[in-house]
Amino acid sequence: MRHFVIVGILVILTSILTYLGLSAIGLMPVEASAQAVPIDWLWNWEMVTISFLFSLIMVPLAYSLIVFRRKKGDMTDAEHMEGNYALEITWTIIPLMLVLVFAYLGSYSLGLTRRADPNAMIIKVKAQQWSWTFDYPDYGFTSNELHLPVNKQVVLQMESADVIHSFWVPEFRVKQDVVPGRVTEYRITPTLIGPYKVRCSEMCGTSHAYMEAPVIVNAQADFDSWVSAQKEAAAAASLTPEGHGQQLVLANGCRGCHTIDGSVLTGPSWLHMYGNPVELSNGTTVIADDAYLKESILDPKAKEVKGFAPTVMPPFKFTDQEIADIIAYLKTLK
């Protein structure tokens, strides 16, 4: 009985120390949404259980290796045991009950995270290789940054233009796949003002690791100011061909592959492209004029740029006027 008491005390102490150690190293990022509260609550109970089960296995094992090790010169046989049905039944029933309890807690937590607010703001999200685009239908503009008002539920109605992506802001905890041909919903109520980042958490191609976008949680007044500025900018841009072209580029996720600062992603940078020679994968050179750019938009594989073949850019079905506006925008990037 003495050994059982000692092991029991050691199991309790080791469980507490393991739980405190895991909590201290900060396994989870900051909690920044109402939906994160039930998820973190469930995670905390899982940590308690994991710490106890770890100690329940490791402490008797270590204690037995130290206390009951064979003494030097002892060649006698150990005690013969046939088994212990009571222990085996108990060790089966207790884990089964734990699984059922956590199944219930998981369902309860899921229900809390999906609780709907009828007054939630709707934002349409488009995912494509390898960018995120956010459309605010109530305000009439599109952005490559996701701005959210604090303490207000938002419903993201998400679609994919190509393959399966997954919308994940670690501080919000909730993650949702974005599937081609379907509209999936993501409900979130941000509770902590600050900058965050959305990541794609579903392997989606060669630049999967770079499929990120800023997520900014604002106070309501700051969010309203940002919306007003975006609406004014969108209205002003629509008055000029190059402004409209910039809007088209933004709305179709082109900046996910092409930059305007000279850096390189999965497509050539647009900076200083127009009117300059472009070396192709077949060794020839062309001038990036209107005809070349129009052909590249409608049929990206017609003349593949050296270093970017085989191209992963899909063909776009823009009208002639839209293509002209996009080219007008590209002409400004000098």
Protein backbone atom coordinates (compact mmCIF):
# COMPACT_ATOMS: atom_id res chain seq x y z
CA MET A 1 0.00 0.00 0.00
CA ARG A 2 2.92 2.33 0.71
CA HIS A 3 3.98 2.20 -2.93
CA PHE A 4 0.47 3.02 -4.14
CA VAL A 5 0.29 6.07 -1.89
CA ILE A 6 3.70 7.32 -3.03
CA VAL A 7 2.87 6.77 -6.72
CA GLY A 8 -0.51 8.46 -6.26
CA ILE A 9 1.10 11.56 -4.72
CA LEU A 10 3.76 11.64 -7.45
CA VAL A 11 1.09 11.35 -10.17
CA ILE A 12 -0.81 14.34 -8.75
CA LEU A 13 2.33 16.46 -8.40
CA THR A 14 3.59 15.54 -11.88
CA SER A 15 0.16 16.29 -13.39
CA ILE A 16 0.13 19.76 -11.84
CA LEU A 17 3.71 20.50 -12.91
CA THR A 18 3.07 19.22 -16.45
CA TYR A 19 -0.07 21.35 -16.82
CA LEU A 20 1.64 24.45 -15.44
CA GLY A 21 4.65 23.87 -17.72
CA LEU A 22 2.51 23.49 -20.84
CA SER A 23 0.48 26.58 -19.90
CA ALA A 24 3.62 28.64 -19.29
CA ILE A 25 5.20 28.06 -22.70
CA GLY A 26 2.28 29.75 -24.50
CA LEU A 27 1.05 27.10 -26.91
CA MET A 28 -1.86 29.27 -28.05
CA PRO A 29 -1.74 32.80 -29.54
CA VAL A 30 -3.70 35.65 -28.01
CA GLU A 31 -7.47 35.15 -27.73
CA ALA A 32 -9.04 37.72 -30.07
CA SER A 33 -12.63 36.61 -30.78
CA ALA A 34 -15.77 35.60 -28.92
CA GLN A 35 -15.60 32.20 -30.66
CA ALA A 36 -12.12 31.64 -29.21
CA VAL A 37 -13.50 31.58 -25.64
CA PRO A 38 -15.31 28.18 -25.77
CA ILE A 39 -12.52 26.73 -27.91
CA ASP A 40 -9.85 27.74 -25.39
CA TRP A 41 -12.04 26.51 -22.53
CA LEU A 42 -12.24 23.08 -24.17
CA TRP A 43 -8.52 23.15 -24.94
CA ASN A 44 -7.78 23.89 -21.27
CA TRP A 45 -9.71 20.80 -20.12
CA GLU A 46 -7.92 18.71 -22.73
CA MET A 47 -4.60 19.96 -21.35
CA VAL A 48 -5.65 18.94 -17.84
CA THR A 49 -6.60 15.47 -19.05
CA ILE A 50 -3.44 15.07 -21.15
CA SER A 51 -1.27 16.10 -18.19
CA PHE A 52 -2.97 13.57 -15.91
CA LEU A 53 -2.81 10.69 -18.41
CA PHE A 54 0.84 11.43 -19.17
CA SER A 55 1.65 11.34 -15.45
CA LEU A 56 -0.47 8.24 -14.87
CA ILE A 57 1.67 6.36 -17.39
CA MET A 58 5.13 7.83 -16.87
CA VAL A 59 5.23 8.06 -13.06
CA PRO A 60 4.50 4.35 -12.33
CA LEU A 61 6.89 3.40 -15.14
CA ALA A 62 9.74 5.51 -13.77
CA TYR A 63 8.95 4.53 -10.16
CA SER A 64 9.01 0.83 -11.05
CA LEU A 65 12.31 1.12 -12.92
CA ILE A 66 13.92 2.74 -9.90
CA VAL A 67 12.31 1.00 -6.91
CA PHE A 68 11.71 -2.48 -8.30
CA ARG A 69 14.80 -2.91 -10.40
CA ARG A 70 16.59 -6.23 -10.11
CA LYS A 71 19.26 -6.15 -7.42
CA LYS A 72 22.78 -7.16 -8.29
CA GLY A 73 23.20 -10.92 -7.95
CA ASP A 74 19.44 -11.59 -7.72
CA MET A 75 18.69 -14.43 -10.15
CA THR A 76 15.25 -15.41 -8.82
CA ASP A 77 12.14 -15.36 -10.97
CA ALA A 78 9.63 -12.55 -10.63
CA GLU A 79 6.15 -13.19 -9.24
CA HIS A 80 3.94 -15.00 -11.75
CA MET A 81 0.75 -13.09 -12.61
CA GLU A 82 -2.22 -14.27 -14.65
CA GLY A 83 -3.79 -10.82 -15.15
CA ASN A 84 -6.31 -8.56 -13.45
CA TYR A 85 -9.77 -8.44 -15.01
CA ALA A 86 -10.98 -5.65 -12.72
CA LEU A 87 -8.07 -3.43 -13.76
CA GLU A 88 -8.58 -4.21 -17.45
CA ILE A 89 -12.31 -3.47 -17.31
CA THR A 90 -11.71 -0.25 -15.37
CA TRP A 91 -8.98 0.84 -17.79
CA THR A 92 -11.43 0.30 -20.66
CA ILE A 93 -14.48 1.98 -19.16
CA ILE A 94 -12.76 5.13 -17.85
CA PRO A 95 -11.21 6.13 -21.24
CA LEU A 96 -14.53 5.37 -22.95
CA MET A 97 -16.33 7.69 -20.55
CA LEU A 98 -13.69 10.37 -21.13
CA VAL A 99 -14.17 10.11 -24.90
CA LEU A 100 -17.94 10.50 -24.52
CA VAL A 101 -17.55 13.47 -22.18
CA PHE A 102 -15.21 15.25 -24.57
CA ALA A 103 -17.49 14.42 -27.50
CA TYR A 104 -20.29 16.24 -25.68
CA LEU A 105 -18.03 19.16 -24.71
CA GLY A 106 -16.79 19.40 -28.30
CA SER A 107 -20.35 19.53 -29.66
CA TYR A 108 -21.31 22.15 -27.08
CA SER A 109 -18.26 24.26 -27.96
CA LEU A 110 -18.99 23.94 -31.69
CA GLY A 111 -22.55 25.13 -31.11
CA LEU A 112 -21.29 28.24 -29.31
CA THR A 113 -18.86 29.10 -32.11
CA ARG A 114 -21.62 28.82 -34.74
CA ARG A 115 -24.24 30.84 -32.86
CA ALA A 116 -25.71 33.26 -35.41
CA ASP A 117 -26.37 36.97 -35.01
CA PRO A 118 -29.21 38.09 -37.34
CA ASN A 119 -27.59 41.54 -37.58
CA ALA A 120 -24.19 40.23 -38.65
CA MET A 121 -22.33 42.14 -41.37
CA ILE A 122 -21.68 40.19 -44.58
CA ILE A 123 -18.34 40.24 -46.38
CA LYS A 124 -17.70 38.19 -49.52
CA VAL A 125 -14.29 36.50 -49.69
CA LYS A 126 -12.65 35.20 -52.85
CA ALA A 127 -9.70 32.81 -52.54
CA GLN A 128 -7.48 31.91 -55.45
CA GLN A 129 -3.90 30.91 -56.04
CA TRP A 130 -2.44 32.72 -54.12
CA SER A 131 -4.36 35.67 -52.75
CA TRP A 132 -7.41 36.74 -50.77
CA THR A 133 -9.90 39.38 -51.95
CA PHE A 134 -12.57 40.91 -49.71
CA ASP A 135 -15.75 42.45 -51.12
CA TYR A 136 -17.97 44.66 -48.95
CA PRO A 137 -21.36 44.47 -50.73
CA ASP A 138 -23.08 46.83 -48.28
CA TYR A 139 -20.54 49.55 -49.09
CA GLY A 140 -19.69 48.88 -52.74
CA PHE A 141 -15.94 48.36 -52.75
CA THR A 142 -13.32 45.60 -52.75
CA SER A 143 -10.12 45.42 -50.73
CA ASN A 144 -7.11 43.16 -50.32
CA GLU A 145 -7.20 43.88 -46.58
CA LEU A 146 -9.90 42.53 -44.26
CA HIS A 147 -11.07 45.22 -41.84
CA LEU A 148 -13.52 44.19 -39.12
CA PRO A 149 -15.34 46.23 -36.46
CA VAL A 150 -14.67 45.08 -32.91
CA ASN A 151 -17.44 43.31 -30.95
CA LYS A 152 -19.65 42.86 -34.00
CA GLN A 153 -20.32 39.51 -35.65
CA VAL A 154 -19.26 39.22 -39.27
CA VAL A 155 -20.21 36.49 -41.73
CA LEU A 156 -17.61 35.75 -44.38
CA GLN A 157 -19.22 34.15 -47.43
CA MET A 158 -16.26 32.46 -49.06
CA GLU A 159 -15.68 31.05 -52.55
CA SER A 160 -12.63 29.57 -54.26
CA ALA A 161 -11.76 30.27 -57.90
CA ASP A 162 -9.55 27.23 -58.34
CA VAL A 163 -8.57 24.69 -55.65
CA ILE A 164 -9.41 24.06 -51.99
CA HIS A 165 -8.09 26.76 -49.66
CA SER A 166 -8.68 27.24 -45.94
CA PHE A 167 -9.28 30.52 -44.10
CA TRP A 168 -7.43 30.65 -40.78
CA VAL A 169 -6.61 33.49 -38.40
CA PRO A 170 -4.89 31.75 -35.43
CA GLU A 171 -5.99 34.42 -32.94
CA PHE A 172 -9.64 33.82 -33.92
CA ARG A 173 -9.16 30.02 -33.53
CA VAL A 174 -11.91 29.11 -36.04
CA LYS A 175 -10.82 27.66 -39.39
CA GLN A 176 -12.98 27.04 -42.47
CA ASP A 177 -12.24 25.40 -45.82
CA VAL A 178 -12.98 27.35 -49.02
CA VAL A 179 -14.15 24.90 -51.67
CA PRO A 180 -14.55 25.44 -55.44
CA GLY A 181 -18.19 25.50 -56.52
CA ARG A 182 -19.52 26.12 -53.01
CA VAL A 183 -20.10 29.06 -50.68
CA THR A 184 -18.85 28.30 -47.18
CA GLU A 185 -19.58 30.57 -44.22
CA TYR A 186 -17.25 31.69 -41.47
CA ARG A 187 -18.76 33.51 -38.48
CA ILE A 188 -16.52 35.54 -36.24
CA THR A 189 -16.93 38.24 -33.58
CA PRO A 190 -13.58 40.00 -33.06
CA THR A 191 -13.04 41.17 -29.47
CA LEU A 192 -9.51 42.57 -29.50
CA ILE A 193 -8.45 45.59 -31.57
CA GLY A 194 -5.23 45.09 -33.50
CA PRO A 195 -3.55 43.74 -36.64
CA TYR A 196 -3.65 40.04 -37.48
CA LYS A 197 -3.06 37.92 -40.55
CA VAL A 198 -5.14 35.37 -42.44
CA ARG A 199 -3.26 32.32 -43.68
CA CYS A 200 -4.27 29.55 -46.02
CA SER A 201 -4.03 26.33 -44.01
CA GLU A 202 -4.77 23.95 -46.89
CA MET A 203 -1.90 23.03 -49.21
CA CYS A 204 -2.94 24.76 -52.43
CA GLY A 205 0.13 24.92 -54.68
CA THR A 206 3.65 26.23 -55.04
CA SER A 207 3.07 29.55 -53.25
CA HIS A 208 0.79 28.20 -50.54
CA ALA A 209 3.14 29.50 -47.82
CA TYR A 210 2.77 33.07 -49.10
CA MET A 211 -1.02 33.12 -49.32
CA GLU A 212 -1.58 35.68 -46.59
CA ALA A 213 -3.51 38.92 -46.17
CA PRO A 214 -3.75 41.58 -43.42
CA VAL A 215 -6.68 41.37 -41.00
CA ILE A 216 -7.28 44.55 -39.00
CA VAL A 217 -9.80 44.76 -36.17
CA ASN A 218 -10.86 48.39 -35.68
CA ALA A 219 -12.95 50.32 -33.21
CA GLN A 220 -16.30 51.14 -34.81
CA ALA A 221 -15.35 54.79 -35.44
CA ASP A 222 -12.06 53.80 -37.08
CA PHE A 223 -13.83 51.15 -39.17
CA ASP A 224 -16.38 53.74 -40.37
CA SER A 225 -13.54 56.12 -41.32
CA TRP A 226 -11.77 53.38 -43.26
CA VAL A 227 -14.99 52.47 -45.09
CA SER A 228 -15.57 56.12 -46.04
CA ALA A 229 -12.02 56.42 -47.38
CA GLN A 230 -12.37 53.22 -49.40
CA LYS A 231 -15.70 54.32 -50.88
CA GLU A 232 -14.25 57.66 -51.92
CA ALA A 233 -11.18 56.02 -53.43
CA ALA A 234 -13.32 53.50 -55.34
CA ALA A 235 -15.57 56.26 -56.68
CA ALA A 236 -12.59 58.37 -57.77
CA ALA A 237 -10.81 55.40 -59.35
CA SER A 238 -13.83 54.44 -61.42
CA LEU A 239 -13.67 57.79 -63.23
CA THR A 240 -10.38 56.97 -65.01
CA PRO A 241 -9.34 53.97 -67.12
CA GLU A 242 -6.24 53.31 -65.02
CA GLY A 243 -8.26 53.57 -61.81
CA HIS A 244 -10.82 51.11 -63.12
CA GLY A 245 -7.99 48.83 -64.23
CA GLN A 246 -6.52 48.90 -60.74
CA GLN A 247 -9.92 47.94 -59.31
CA LEU A 248 -10.15 44.99 -61.72
CA VAL A 249 -6.65 43.84 -60.76
CA LEU A 250 -7.55 44.01 -57.09
CA ALA A 251 -10.94 42.31 -57.45
CA ASN A 252 -9.50 39.38 -59.41
CA GLY A 253 -6.61 38.63 -57.06
CA CYS A 254 -3.87 39.43 -59.59
CA ARG A 255 -1.66 40.87 -56.87
CA GLY A 256 -1.37 37.42 -55.35
CA CYS A 257 1.19 36.55 -58.06
CA HIS A 258 2.36 39.91 -59.45
CA THR A 259 3.95 42.73 -57.48
CA ILE A 260 4.28 46.43 -58.27
CA ASP A 261 7.54 47.03 -56.39
CA GLY A 262 9.96 44.87 -58.39
CA SER A 263 9.91 41.87 -56.04
CA VAL A 264 9.06 38.48 -57.51
CA LEU A 265 6.34 36.04 -56.47
CA THR A 266 5.03 33.32 -58.78
CA GLY A 267 4.62 35.79 -61.65
CA PRO A 268 6.82 38.56 -63.06
CA SER A 269 6.63 41.95 -61.39
CA TRP A 270 4.66 44.65 -63.21
CA LEU A 271 7.06 47.42 -62.24
CA HIS A 272 8.73 48.86 -65.38
CA MET A 273 7.18 46.05 -67.48
CA TYR A 274 5.21 48.09 -70.02
CA GLY A 275 7.22 49.08 -73.07
CA ASN A 276 10.30 47.10 -72.07
CA PRO A 277 11.71 43.84 -73.50
CA VAL A 278 10.54 40.59 -71.92
CA GLU A 279 12.62 37.43 -72.31
CA LEU A 280 10.50 34.37 -73.02
CA SER A 281 11.04 30.75 -72.04
CA ASN A 282 11.81 29.79 -75.67
CA GLY A 283 14.77 32.18 -75.78
CA THR A 284 13.12 34.94 -77.81
CA THR A 285 12.35 38.46 -76.64
CA VAL A 286 9.20 40.54 -77.08
CA ILE A 287 8.22 44.07 -76.12
CA ALA A 288 5.56 44.32 -73.41
CA ASP A 289 3.17 46.42 -75.50
CA ASP A 290 -0.64 46.44 -75.61
CA ALA A 291 -0.87 43.44 -77.94
CA TYR A 292 1.47 41.29 -75.83
CA LEU A 293 -0.27 42.15 -72.56
CA LYS A 294 -3.73 41.49 -74.01
CA GLU A 295 -2.60 38.12 -75.36
CA SER A 296 -1.02 37.21 -72.01
CA ILE A 297 -4.23 38.00 -70.14
CA LEU A 298 -6.44 35.99 -72.49
CA ASP A 299 -3.96 33.14 -73.07
CA PRO A 300 -1.17 33.13 -70.44
CA LYS A 301 0.54 30.10 -72.01
CA ALA A 302 0.94 31.70 -75.45
CA LYS A 303 4.21 33.45 -74.56
CA GLU A 304 5.57 32.24 -71.24
CA VAL A 305 8.13 34.45 -69.50
CA LYS A 306 11.53 32.93 -68.79
CA GLY A 307 11.75 31.67 -65.22
CA PHE A 308 7.97 31.37 -64.88
CA ALA A 309 7.25 28.41 -67.17
CA PRO A 310 5.12 26.42 -67.02
CA THR A 311 2.82 29.26 -66.04
CA VAL A 312 0.13 28.67 -63.42
CA MET A 313 -1.88 31.76 -64.36
CA PRO A 314 -5.42 30.92 -65.56
CA PRO A 315 -6.92 32.69 -68.59
CA PHE A 316 -9.20 35.61 -67.70
CA LYS A 317 -12.36 36.46 -69.61
CA PHE A 318 -12.23 40.25 -69.53
CA THR A 319 -13.92 42.42 -72.10
CA ASP A 320 -11.80 44.47 -74.52
CA GLN A 321 -12.57 47.62 -72.52
CA GLU A 322 -11.59 45.97 -69.24
CA ILE A 323 -8.32 44.76 -70.74
CA ALA A 324 -7.63 48.26 -72.05
CA ASP A 325 -8.23 49.67 -68.56
CA ILE A 326 -5.89 47.11 -67.00
CA ILE A 327 -3.17 47.97 -69.52
CA ALA A 328 -3.73 51.66 -68.75
CA TYR A 329 -3.04 50.84 -65.09
CA LEU A 330 0.09 48.85 -65.96
CA LYS A 331 1.40 51.84 -67.92
CA THR A 332 1.43 53.86 -64.69
CA LEU A 333 3.82 51.41 -62.97
CA LYS A 334 7.05 53.02 -64.09
